[in-house]
Protein backbone atom coordinates (compact mmCIF):
# COMPACT_ATOMS: atom_id res chain seq x y z
CA UNK A 1 171.05 41.03 31.50
CA UNK A 2 171.27 41.63 27.77
CA UNK A 3 173.71 39.85 25.48
CA UNK A 4 175.68 43.00 24.67
CA UNK A 5 176.06 43.74 28.39
CA UNK A 6 177.78 40.40 29.04
CA UNK A 7 181.52 39.94 29.03
CA UNK A 8 183.09 37.61 26.46
CA UNK A 9 183.62 35.04 29.22
CA UNK A 10 179.95 35.17 30.22
CA UNK A 11 178.86 34.87 26.60
CA UNK A 12 181.13 31.86 26.08
CA UNK A 13 179.88 30.20 29.25
CA UNK A 14 176.26 30.73 28.23
CA UNK A 15 176.90 29.30 24.75
CA UNK A 16 178.65 26.25 26.23
CA UNK A 17 175.91 25.55 28.79
CA UNK A 18 173.18 26.01 26.19
CA UNK A 19 174.97 23.61 23.85
CA UNK A 20 175.19 20.96 26.57
CA UNK A 21 171.51 21.42 27.44
CA UNK A 22 170.41 21.10 23.81
CA UNK A 23 172.62 18.02 23.28
CA UNK A 24 171.27 16.29 26.41
CA UNK A 25 167.67 17.05 25.47
CA UNK A 26 168.20 15.83 21.89
CA UNK A 27 169.89 12.63 23.08
CA UNK A 28 167.08 11.94 25.55
CA UNK A 29 164.38 12.64 22.94
CA UNK A 30 165.98 10.40 20.30
CA UNK A 31 166.52 7.62 22.84
CA UNK A 32 162.95 7.87 24.14
CA UNK A 33 161.56 7.83 20.61
CA UNK A 34 163.56 4.78 19.51
CA UNK A 35 163.52 2.76 22.73
CA UNK A 36 160.81 0.09 23.02
CA UNK A 37 158.15 0.76 25.66
CA UNK A 38 159.22 -2.22 27.76
CA UNK A 39 162.76 -0.82 28.06
CA UNK A 40 161.56 2.46 29.61
CA UNK A 41 160.95 2.77 33.34
CA UNK A 42 157.51 4.31 33.71
CA UNK A 43 155.25 5.48 30.91
CA UNK A 44 156.79 7.02 27.81
CA UNK A 45 153.98 9.58 27.74
CA UNK A 46 155.11 10.93 31.09
CA UNK A 47 158.78 11.05 30.12
CA UNK A 48 158.12 13.26 27.07
CA UNK A 49 157.20 16.41 28.99
CA UNK A 50 159.73 15.56 31.70
CA UNK A 51 162.71 15.67 29.32
CA UNK A 52 161.88 19.28 28.48
CA UNK A 53 162.16 20.40 32.12
CA UNK A 54 165.63 21.91 32.02
CA UNK A 55 168.19 20.90 33.08
CA UNK A 56 167.04 17.99 35.27
CA UNK A 57 164.58 16.30 32.89
CA UNK A 58 166.93 14.89 30.27
CA UNK A 59 169.52 13.97 32.90
CA UNK A 60 166.88 12.14 34.96
CA UNK A 61 165.65 10.23 31.92
CA UNK A 62 169.15 9.24 30.79
CA UNK A 63 170.12 8.11 34.30
CA UNK A 64 166.92 6.54 35.64
CA UNK A 65 164.32 6.34 32.87
CA UNK A 66 165.93 3.60 30.83
CA UNK A 67 166.26 -0.06 31.64
CA UNK A 68 169.72 -1.50 30.96
CA UNK A 69 170.11 -3.26 27.64
CA UNK A 70 170.75 -7.00 27.93
């Protein structure tokens, strides 16, 4: 479906969901970049491609990929 064929409600929903997806991916990427290797569950090199698998990648990293801070 093309953008101009969508209703205003559909366009608004798509914009909102895209914004959430971009924010989650950005938060996961910044966290993964700044977090020390020992505070990440698994290898950082495997989490990088995983966080770009939408929408589950960034959510999985933020929920399960990080060790709790002391």
